[in-house]
Amino acid sequence: MDQKKCPHCGNWSSWNLNLSDICDHCGKTLGGKDLENQEKRLADKKTNEENWMFNVKESDSDFKKGLKKVGNFFYTIFMAIISFILWLIAALPG
């Protein structure tokens, strides 16, 4: 078992390499700023997924769900083609 210094009280506590582990002395999380950053990244990721124009929602009609699935398919194909072209340009000698 590892130990980590608590960012709140400064004492060393047992740590299972999980940012949400609790300090043995003050009872606060050992993650500190890292835990806040991780939670912010997860919230941003969820927001980005919800705001994606081809995100299929339960409340969408069947027609709209179908259009979004087709849009996702063509977007994926488009990005694959663009990535391949960029790879070709980067791989050219000179």
PDB file of N, CA and C in Angstrom:
ATOM      1  N   MET A   1       0.839  -1.174   0.000  1.00  0.00           N
ATOM      2  CA  MET A   1       0.000   0.000   0.000  1.00  0.00           C
ATOM      3  C   MET A   1       0.890   1.245   0.000  1.00  0.00           C
ATOM      4  N   ASP A   2       0.520   2.214  -0.793  1.00  0.00           N
ATOM      5  CA  ASP A   2       1.275   3.455  -0.906  1.00  0.00           C
ATOM      6  C   ASP A   2       0.766   4.488   0.089  1.00  0.00           C
ATOM      7  N   GLN A   3       1.517   5.558   0.186  1.00  0.00           N
ATOM      8  CA  GLN A   3       1.111   6.676   1.034  1.00  0.00           C
ATOM      9  C   GLN A   3       1.135   7.951   0.220  1.00  0.00           C
ATOM     10  N   LYS A   4       0.292   8.884   0.624  1.00  0.00           N
ATOM     11  CA  LYS A   4       0.238  10.184  -0.036  1.00  0.00           C
ATOM     12  C   LYS A   4       0.057  11.253   1.026  1.00  0.00           C
ATOM     13  N   LYS A   5       0.693  12.386   0.778  1.00  0.00           N
ATOM     14  CA  LYS A   5       0.564  13.508   1.697  1.00  0.00           C
ATOM     15  C   LYS A   5      -0.736  14.236   1.394  1.00  0.00           C
ATOM     16  N   CYS A   6      -1.538  14.428   2.406  1.00  0.00           N
ATOM     17  CA  CYS A   6      -2.835  15.085   2.250  1.00  0.00           C
ATOM     18  C   CYS A   6      -2.637  16.555   1.890  1.00  0.00           C
ATOM     19  N   PRO A   7      -3.295  17.026   0.824  1.00  0.00           N
ATOM     20  CA  PRO A   7      -3.148  18.434   0.448  1.00  0.00           C
ATOM     21  C   PRO A   7      -3.847  19.392   1.418  1.00  0.00           C
ATOM     22  N   HIS A   8      -4.686  18.844   2.287  1.00  0.00           N
ATOM     23  CA  HIS A   8      -5.453  19.689   3.209  1.00  0.00           C
ATOM     24  C   HIS A   8      -4.766  19.840   4.569  1.00  0.00           C
ATOM     25  N   CYS A   9      -4.380  18.701   5.185  1.00  0.00           N
ATOM     26  CA  CYS A   9      -3.798  18.769   6.532  1.00  0.00           C
ATOM     27  C   CYS A   9      -2.285  18.556   6.549  1.00  0.00           C
ATOM     28  N   GLY A  10      -1.712  18.033   5.453  1.00  0.00           N
ATOM     29  CA  GLY A  10      -0.263  17.855   5.384  1.00  0.00           C
ATOM     30  C   GLY A  10       0.250  16.570   5.995  1.00  0.00           C
ATOM     31  N   ASN A  11      -0.617  15.703   6.517  1.00  0.00           N
ATOM     32  CA  ASN A  11      -0.196  14.431   7.089  1.00  0.00           C
ATOM     33  C   ASN A  11      -0.184  13.344   6.021  1.00  0.00           C
ATOM     34  N   TRP A  12       0.624  12.311   6.243  1.00  0.00           N
ATOM     35  CA  TRP A  12       0.702  11.187   5.309  1.00  0.00           C
ATOM     36  C   TRP A  12      -0.398  10.187   5.628  1.00  0.00           C
ATOM     37  N   SER A  13      -1.075   9.698   4.573  1.00  0.00           N
ATOM     38  CA  SER A  13      -2.166   8.740   4.740  1.00  0.00           C
ATOM     39  C   SER A  13      -1.975   7.583   3.775  1.00  0.00           C
ATOM     40  N   SER A  14      -2.587   6.450   4.099  1.00  0.00           N
ATOM     41  CA  SER A  14      -2.540   5.306   3.179  1.00  0.00           C
ATOM     42  C   SER A  14      -3.344   5.657   1.934  1.00  0.00           C
ATOM     43  N   TRP A  15      -2.845   5.193   0.782  1.00  0.00           N
ATOM     44  CA  TRP A  15      -3.433   5.593  -0.497  1.00  0.00           C
ATOM     45  C   TRP A  15      -3.442   4.413  -1.448  1.00  0.00           C
ATOM     46  N   ASN A  16      -4.595   4.149  -2.053  1.00  0.00           N
ATOM     47  CA  ASN A  16      -4.750   3.045  -3.000  1.00  0.00           C
ATOM     48  C   ASN A  16      -4.683   3.540  -4.448  1.00  0.00           C
ATOM     49  N   LEU A  17      -3.982   4.646  -4.683  1.00  0.00           N
ATOM     50  CA  LEU A  17      -3.821   5.246  -6.012  1.00  0.00           C
ATOM     51  C   LEU A  17      -5.150   5.676  -6.619  1.00  0.00           C
ATOM     52  N   ASN A  18      -6.099   6.024  -5.766  1.00  0.00           N
ATOM     53  CA  ASN A  18      -7.404   6.500  -6.204  1.00  0.00           C
ATOM     54  C   ASN A  18      -7.560   7.930  -5.702  1.00  0.00           C
ATOM     55  N   LEU A  19      -7.896   8.851  -6.616  1.00  0.00           N
ATOM     56  CA  LEU A  19      -7.989  10.255  -6.229  1.00  0.00           C
ATOM     57  C   LEU A  19      -9.094  10.528  -5.216  1.00  0.00           C
ATOM     58  N   SER A  20     -10.066   9.651  -5.125  1.00  0.00           N
ATOM     59  CA  SER A  20     -11.160   9.880  -4.190  1.00  0.00           C
ATOM     60  C   SER A  20     -10.933   9.206  -2.832  1.00  0.00           C
ATOM     61  N   ASP A  21      -9.716   8.671  -2.585  1.00  0.00           N
ATOM     62  CA  ASP A  21      -9.408   8.105  -1.274  1.00  0.00           C
ATOM     63  C   ASP A  21      -9.477   9.196  -0.212  1.00  0.00           C
ATOM     64  N   ILE A  22      -9.821   8.795   1.002  1.00  0.00           N
ATOM     65  CA  ILE A  22     -10.025   9.732   2.108  1.00  0.00           C
ATOM     66  C   ILE A  22      -8.802   9.742   3.023  1.00  0.00           C
ATOM     67  N   CYS A  23      -8.449  10.932   3.489  1.00  0.00           N
ATOM     68  CA  CYS A  23      -7.337  11.093   4.428  1.00  0.00           C
ATOM     69  C   CYS A  23      -7.691  10.429   5.761  1.00  0.00           C
ATOM     70  N   ASP A  24      -6.707   9.734   6.342  1.00  0.00           N
ATOM     71  CA  ASP A  24      -6.918   9.068   7.635  1.00  0.00           C
ATOM     72  C   ASP A  24      -7.041  10.073   8.776  1.00  0.00           C
ATOM     73  N   HIS A  25      -6.574  11.286   8.592  1.00  0.00           N
ATOM     74  CA  HIS A  25      -6.516  12.261   9.678  1.00  0.00           C
ATOM     75  C   HIS A  25      -7.639  13.295   9.626  1.00  0.00           C
ATOM     76  N   CYS A  26      -7.850  13.916   8.448  1.00  0.00           N
ATOM     77  CA  CYS A  26      -8.845  14.993   8.385  1.00  0.00           C
ATOM     78  C   CYS A  26     -10.146  14.565   7.695  1.00  0.00           C
ATOM     79  N   GLY A  27     -10.154  13.430   6.995  1.00  0.00           N
ATOM     80  CA  GLY A  27     -11.371  12.931   6.362  1.00  0.00           C
ATOM     81  C   GLY A  27     -11.689  13.546   5.002  1.00  0.00           C
ATOM     82  N   LYS A  28     -10.798  14.360   4.463  1.00  0.00           N
ATOM     83  CA  LYS A  28     -11.022  14.953   3.139  1.00  0.00           C
ATOM     84  C   LYS A  28     -10.350  14.084   2.082  1.00  0.00           C
ATOM     85  N   THR A  29     -10.690  14.334   0.822  1.00  0.00           N
ATOM     86  CA  THR A  29     -10.133  13.515  -0.251  1.00  0.00           C
ATOM     87  C   THR A  29      -8.652  13.823  -0.455  1.00  0.00           C
ATOM     88  N   LEU A  30      -7.900  12.797  -0.828  1.00  0.00           N
ATOM     89  CA  LEU A  30      -6.476  12.958  -1.063  1.00  0.00           C
ATOM     90  C   LEU A  30      -6.180  13.493  -2.463  1.00  0.00           C
ATOM     91  N   GLY A  31      -7.188  13.508  -3.315  1.00  0.00           N
ATOM     92  CA  GLY A  31      -6.985  13.953  -4.688  1.00  0.00           C
ATOM     93  C   GLY A  31      -6.682  15.432  -4.804  1.00  0.00           C
ATOM     94  N   GLY A  32      -7.312  16.238  -3.993  1.00  0.00           N
ATOM     95  CA  GLY A  32      -7.087  17.680  -4.025  1.00  0.00           C
ATOM     96  C   GLY A  32      -7.395  18.275  -5.382  1.00  0.00           C
ATOM     97  N   LYS A  33      -6.456  19.021  -5.928  1.00  0.00           N
ATOM     98  CA  LYS A  33      -6.625  19.709  -7.206  1.00  0.00           C
ATOM     99  C   LYS A  33      -6.748  18.701  -8.360  1.00  0.00           C
ATOM    100  N   ASP A  34      -6.050  17.565  -8.263  1.00  0.00           N
ATOM    101  CA  ASP A  34      -6.138  16.545  -9.312  1.00  0.00           C
ATOM    102  C   ASP A  34      -7.554  15.993  -9.430  1.00  0.00           C
ATOM    103  N   LEU A  35      -8.217  15.793  -8.307  1.00  0.00           N
ATOM    104  CA  LEU A  35      -9.592  15.292  -8.315  1.00  0.00           C
ATOM    105  C   LEU A  35     -10.527  16.323  -8.939  1.00  0.00           C
ATOM    106  N   GLU A  36     -10.322  17.598  -8.619  1.00  0.00           N
ATOM    107  CA  GLU A  36     -11.144  18.660  -9.215  1.00  0.00           C
ATOM    108  C   GLU A  36     -10.949  18.704 -10.729  1.00  0.00           C
ATOM    109  N   ASN A  37      -9.689  18.582 -11.172  1.00  0.00           N
ATOM    110  CA  ASN A  37      -9.410  18.594 -12.605  1.00  0.00           C
ATOM    111  C   ASN A  37     -10.043  17.400 -13.311  1.00  0.00           C
ATOM    112  N   GLN A  38      -9.986  16.226 -12.688  1.00  0.00           N
ATOM    113  CA  GLN A  38     -10.591  15.032 -13.275  1.00  0.00           C
ATOM    114  C   GLN A  38     -12.111  15.202 -13.393  1.00  0.00           C
ATOM    115  N   GLU A  39     -12.742  15.724 -12.357  1.00  0.00           N
ATOM    116  CA  GLU A  39     -14.189  15.941 -12.397  1.00  0.00           C
ATOM    117  C   GLU A  39     -14.560  16.967 -13.463  1.00  0.00           C
ATOM    118  N   LYS A  40     -13.739  18.010 -13.615  1.00  0.00           N
ATOM    119  CA  LYS A  40     -13.989  19.020 -14.647  1.00  0.00           C
ATOM    120  C   LYS A  40     -13.853  18.415 -16.045  1.00  0.00           C
ATOM    121  N   ARG A  41     -12.829  17.578 -16.251  1.00  0.00           N
ATOM    122  CA  ARG A  41     -12.650  16.919 -17.551  1.00  0.00           C
ATOM    123  C   ARG A  41     -13.831  16.026 -17.880  1.00  0.00           C
ATOM    124  N   LEU A  42     -14.321  15.275 -16.905  1.00  0.00           N
ATOM    125  CA  LEU A  42     -15.472  14.400 -17.133  1.00  0.00           C
ATOM    126  C   LEU A  42     -16.722  15.209 -17.460  1.00  0.00           C
ATOM    127  N   ALA A  43     -16.922  16.317 -16.752  1.00  0.00           N
ATOM    128  CA  ALA A  43     -18.084  17.169 -17.022  1.00  0.00           C
ATOM    129  C   ALA A  43     -17.984  17.786 -18.415  1.00  0.00           C
ATOM    130  N   ASP A  44     -16.784  18.232 -18.805  1.00  0.00           N
ATOM    131  CA  ASP A  44     -16.588  18.799 -20.143  1.00  0.00           C
ATOM    132  C   ASP A  44     -16.825  17.755 -21.223  1.00  0.00           C
ATOM    133  N   LYS A  45     -16.361  16.529 -20.983  1.00  0.00           N
ATOM    134  CA  LYS A  45     -16.553  15.455 -21.954  1.00  0.00           C
ATOM    135  C   LYS A  45     -18.037  15.159 -22.142  1.00  0.00           C
ATOM    136  N   LYS A  46     -18.779  15.117 -21.039  1.00  0.00           N
ATOM    137  CA  LYS A  46     -20.215  14.849 -21.119  1.00  0.00           C
ATOM    138  C   LYS A  46     -20.932  15.980 -21.865  1.00  0.00           C
ATOM    139  N   THR A  47     -20.551  17.216 -21.576  1.00  0.00           N
ATOM    140  CA  THR A  47     -21.152  18.367 -22.255  1.00  0.00           C
ATOM    141  C   THR A  47     -20.863  18.325 -23.753  1.00  0.00           C
ATOM    142  N   ASN A  48     -19.624  18.006 -24.120  1.00  0.00           N
ATOM    143  CA  ASN A  48     -19.259  17.926 -25.533  1.00  0.00           C
ATOM    144  C   ASN A  48     -20.052  16.835 -26.247  1.00  0.00           C
ATOM    145  N   GLU A  49     -20.224  15.685 -25.594  1.00  0.00           N
ATOM    146  CA  GLU A  49     -20.995  14.601 -26.205  1.00  0.00           C
ATOM    147  C   GLU A  49     -22.454  15.001 -26.388  1.00  0.00           C
ATOM    148  N   GLU A  50     -23.019  15.707 -25.424  1.00  0.00           N
ATOM    149  CA  GLU A  50     -24.421  16.117 -25.515  1.00  0.00           C
ATOM    150  C   GLU A  50     -24.621  17.202 -26.570  1.00  0.00           C
ATOM    151  N   ASN A  51     -23.612  18.045 -26.782  1.00  0.00           N
ATOM    152  CA  ASN A  51     -23.732  19.131 -27.747  1.00  0.00           C
ATOM    153  C   ASN A  51     -23.328  18.725 -29.161  1.00  0.00           C
ATOM    154  N   TRP A  52     -22.813  17.525 -29.349  1.00  0.00           N
ATOM    155  CA  TRP A  52     -22.429  17.033 -30.666  1.00  0.00           C
ATOM    156  C   TRP A  52     -23.671  16.966 -31.545  1.00  0.00           C
ATOM    157  N   MET A  53     -23.576  17.508 -32.756  1.00  0.00           N
ATOM    158  CA  MET A  53     -24.760  17.625 -33.609  1.00  0.00           C
ATOM    159  C   MET A  53     -25.364  16.282 -33.998  1.00  0.00           C
ATOM    160  N   PHE A  54     -24.565  15.215 -33.969  1.00  0.00           N
ATOM    161  CA  PHE A  54     -25.090  13.895 -34.335  1.00  0.00           C
ATOM    162  C   PHE A  54     -25.378  13.029 -33.107  1.00  0.00           C
ATOM    163  N   ASN A  55     -25.449  13.626 -31.911  1.00  0.00           N
ATOM    164  CA  ASN A  55     -25.756  12.871 -30.699  1.00  0.00           C
ATOM    165  C   ASN A  55     -27.208  12.391 -30.753  1.00  0.00           C
ATOM    166  N   VAL A  56     -27.391  11.074 -30.667  1.00  0.00           N
ATOM    167  CA  VAL A  56     -28.735  10.495 -30.725  1.00  0.00           C
ATOM    168  C   VAL A  56     -29.327  10.519 -29.319  1.00  0.00           C
ATOM    169  N   LYS A  57     -30.456  11.199 -29.171  1.00  0.00           N
ATOM    170  CA  LYS A  57     -31.129  11.311 -27.878  1.00  0.00           C
ATOM    171  C   LYS A  57     -32.355  10.404 -27.867  1.00  0.00           C
ATOM    172  N   GLU A  58     -32.758  10.008 -26.689  1.00  0.00           N
ATOM    173  CA  GLU A  58     -33.950   9.166 -26.548  1.00  0.00           C
ATOM    174  C   GLU A  58     -35.207   9.902 -27.006  1.00  0.00           C
ATOM    175  N   SER A  59     -35.208  11.224 -26.858  1.00  0.00           N
ATOM    176  CA  SER A  59     -36.393  11.999 -27.191  1.00  0.00           C
ATOM    177  C   SER A  59     -36.527  12.263 -28.694  1.00  0.00           C
ATOM    178  N   ASP A  60     -35.500  11.935 -29.479  1.00  0.00           N
ATOM    179  CA  ASP A  60     -35.564  12.151 -30.926  1.00  0.00           C
ATOM    180  C   ASP A  60     -36.553  11.175 -31.568  1.00  0.00           C
ATOM    181  N   SER A  61     -37.157  11.627 -32.664  1.00  0.00           N
ATOM    182  CA  SER A  61     -38.046  10.745 -33.420  1.00  0.00           C
ATOM    183  C   SER A  61     -37.202   9.703 -34.151  1.00  0.00           C
ATOM    184  N   ASP A  62     -37.858   8.640 -34.615  1.00  0.00           N
ATOM    185  CA  ASP A  62     -37.138   7.583 -35.323  1.00  0.00           C
ATOM    186  C   ASP A  62     -36.458   8.126 -36.574  1.00  0.00           C
ATOM    187  N   PHE A  63     -37.124   9.034 -37.272  1.00  0.00           N
ATOM    188  CA  PHE A  63     -36.557   9.634 -38.471  1.00  0.00           C
ATOM    189  C   PHE A  63     -35.288  10.424 -38.146  1.00  0.00           C
ATOM    190  N   LYS A  64     -35.367  11.212 -37.074  1.00  0.00           N
ATOM    191  CA  LYS A  64     -34.223  12.030 -36.665  1.00  0.00           C
ATOM    192  C   LYS A  64     -33.070  11.145 -36.186  1.00  0.00           C
ATOM    193  N   LYS A  65     -33.382  10.058 -35.486  1.00  0.00           N
ATOM    194  CA  LYS A  65     -32.345   9.120 -35.053  1.00  0.00           C
ATOM    195  C   LYS A  65     -31.640   8.516 -36.261  1.00  0.00           C
ATOM    196  N   GLY A  66     -32.420   8.158 -37.271  1.00  0.00           N
ATOM    197  CA  GLY A  66     -31.837   7.590 -38.483  1.00  0.00           C
ATOM    198  C   GLY A  66     -30.934   8.585 -39.192  1.00  0.00           C
ATOM    199  N   LEU A  67     -31.391   9.839 -39.291  1.00  0.00           N
ATOM    200  CA  LEU A  67     -30.572  10.867 -39.929  1.00  0.00           C
ATOM    201  C   LEU A  67     -29.261  11.093 -39.175  1.00  0.00           C
ATOM    202  N   LYS A  68     -29.326  11.084 -37.860  1.00  0.00           N
ATOM    203  CA  LYS A  68     -28.124  11.298 -37.066  1.00  0.00           C
ATOM    204  C   LYS A  68     -27.152  10.131 -37.221  1.00  0.00           C
ATOM    205  N   LYS A  69     -27.665   8.912 -37.305  1.00  0.00           N
ATOM    206  CA  LYS A  69     -26.799   7.752 -37.504  1.00  0.00           C
ATOM    207  C   LYS A  69     -26.130   7.815 -38.873  1.00  0.00           C
ATOM    208  N   VAL A  70     -26.863   8.211 -39.899  1.00  0.00           N
ATOM    209  CA  VAL A  70     -26.287   8.370 -41.234  1.00  0.00           C
ATOM    210  C   VAL A  70     -25.257   9.497 -41.215  1.00  0.00           C
ATOM    211  N   GLY A  71     -25.555  10.590 -40.532  1.00  0.00           N
ATOM    212  CA  GLY A  71     -24.608  11.694 -40.408  1.00  0.00           C
ATOM    213  C   GLY A  71     -23.324  11.262 -39.726  1.00  0.00           C
ATOM    214  N   ASN A  72     -23.443  10.477 -38.658  1.00  0.00           N
ATOM    215  CA  ASN A  72     -22.263   9.952 -37.972  1.00  0.00           C
ATOM    216  C   ASN A  72     -21.432   9.083 -38.900  1.00  0.00           C
ATOM    217  N   PHE A  73     -22.095   8.249 -39.684  1.00  0.00           N
ATOM    218  CA  PHE A  73     -21.403   7.350 -40.608  1.00  0.00           C
ATOM    219  C   PHE A  73     -20.596   8.154 -41.629  1.00  0.00           C
ATOM    220  N   PHE A  74     -21.243   9.127 -42.278  1.00  0.00           N
ATOM    221  CA  PHE A  74     -20.550   9.906 -43.294  1.00  0.00           C
ATOM    222  C   PHE A  74     -19.470  10.806 -42.691  1.00  0.00           C
ATOM    223  N   TYR A  75     -19.682  11.291 -41.487  1.00  0.00           N
ATOM    224  CA  TYR A  75     -18.656  12.080 -40.821  1.00  0.00           C
ATOM    225  C   TYR A  75     -17.417  11.216 -40.559  1.00  0.00           C
ATOM    226  N   THR A  76     -17.624   9.984 -40.122  1.00  0.00           N
ATOM    227  CA  THR A  76     -16.518   9.071 -39.873  1.00  0.00           C
ATOM    228  C   THR A  76     -15.752   8.784 -41.164  1.00  0.00           C
ATOM    229  N   ILE A  77     -16.475   8.528 -42.250  1.00  0.00           N
ATOM    230  CA  ILE A  77     -15.833   8.281 -43.541  1.00  0.00           C
ATOM    231  C   ILE A  77     -15.042   9.521 -43.978  1.00  0.00           C
ATOM    232  N   PHE A  78     -15.642  10.691 -43.862  1.00  0.00           N
ATOM    233  CA  PHE A  78     -14.983  11.933 -44.236  1.00  0.00           C
ATOM    234  C   PHE A  78     -13.686  12.128 -43.455  1.00  0.00           C
ATOM    235  N   MET A  79     -13.744  11.925 -42.146  1.00  0.00           N
ATOM    236  CA  MET A  79     -12.555  12.104 -41.316  1.00  0.00           C
ATOM    237  C   MET A  79     -11.483  11.072 -41.654  1.00  0.00           C
ATOM    238  N   ALA A  80     -11.882   9.852 -42.001  1.00  0.00           N
ATOM    239  CA  ALA A  80     -10.911   8.834 -42.397  1.00  0.00           C
ATOM    240  C   ALA A  80     -10.201   9.248 -43.683  1.00  0.00           C
ATOM    241  N   ILE A  81     -10.937   9.778 -44.637  1.00  0.00           N
ATOM    242  CA  ILE A  81     -10.337  10.215 -45.902  1.00  0.00           C
ATOM    243  C   ILE A  81      -9.376  11.379 -45.656  1.00  0.00           C
ATOM    244  N   ILE A  82      -9.802  12.364 -44.881  1.00  0.00           N
ATOM    245  CA  ILE A  82      -8.940  13.510 -44.577  1.00  0.00           C
ATOM    246  C   ILE A  82      -7.678  13.055 -43.844  1.00  0.00           C
ATOM    247  N   SER A  83      -7.823  12.141 -42.893  1.00  0.00           N
ATOM    248  CA  SER A  83      -6.661  11.637 -42.155  1.00  0.00           C
ATOM    249  C   SER A  83      -5.694  10.916 -43.087  1.00  0.00           C
ATOM    250  N   PHE A  84      -6.225  10.136 -44.019  1.00  0.00           N
ATOM    251  CA  PHE A  84      -5.384   9.425 -44.974  1.00  0.00           C
ATOM    252  C   PHE A  84      -4.636  10.409 -45.865  1.00  0.00           C
ATOM    253  N   ILE A  85      -5.315  11.442 -46.340  1.00  0.00           N
ATOM    254  CA  ILE A  85      -4.661  12.447 -47.184  1.00  0.00           C
ATOM    255  C   ILE A  85      -3.556  13.160 -46.406  1.00  0.00           C
ATOM    256  N   LEU A  86      -3.817  13.517 -45.170  1.00  0.00           N
ATOM    257  CA  LEU A  86      -2.795  14.166 -44.352  1.00  0.00           C
ATOM    258  C   LEU A  86      -1.612  13.237 -44.098  1.00  0.00           C
ATOM    259  N   TRP A  87      -1.892  11.957 -43.895  1.00  0.00           N
ATOM    260  CA  TRP A  87      -0.823  10.977 -43.710  1.00  0.00           C
ATOM    261  C   TRP A  87       0.021  10.885 -44.979  1.00  0.00           C
ATOM    262  N   LEU A  88      -0.633  10.874 -46.143  1.00  0.00           N
ATOM    263  CA  LEU A  88       0.099  10.829 -47.401  1.00  0.00           C
ATOM    264  C   LEU A  88       1.006  12.036 -47.571  1.00  0.00           C
ATOM    265  N   ILE A  89       0.486  13.210 -47.239  1.00  0.00           N
ATOM    266  CA  ILE A  89       1.293  14.434 -47.357  1.00  0.00           C
ATOM    267  C   ILE A  89       2.481  14.377 -46.412  1.00  0.00           C
ATOM    268  N   ALA A  90       2.257  13.913 -45.207  1.00  0.00           N
ATOM    269  CA  ALA A  90       3.347  13.838 -44.222  1.00  0.00           C
ATOM    270  C   ALA A  90       4.371  12.774 -44.584  1.00  0.00           C
ATOM    271  N   ALA A  91       3.951  11.724 -45.277  1.00  0.00           N
ATOM    272  CA  ALA A  91       4.844  10.615 -45.609  1.00  0.00           C
ATOM    273  C   ALA A  91       5.651  10.857 -46.876  1.00  0.00           C
ATOM    274  N   LEU A  92       5.303  11.888 -47.627  1.00  0.00           N
ATOM    275  CA  LEU A  92       6.044  12.172 -48.863  1.00  0.00           C
ATOM    276  C   LEU A  92       7.474  12.571 -48.539  1.00  0.00           C
ATOM    277  N   PRO A  93       8.411  12.049 -49.301  1.00  0.00           N
ATOM    278  CA  PRO A  93       9.807  12.431 -49.045  1.00  0.00           C
ATOM    279  C   PRO A  93      10.061  13.874 -49.475  1.00  0.00           C
ATOM    280  N   GLY A  94      10.937  14.495 -48.757  1.00  0.00           N
ATOM    281  CA  GLY A  94      11.342  15.819 -49.195  1.00  0.00           C
ATOM    282  C   GLY A  94      10.983  16.840 -48.259  1.00  0.00           C
TER     283      GLY A  94
END
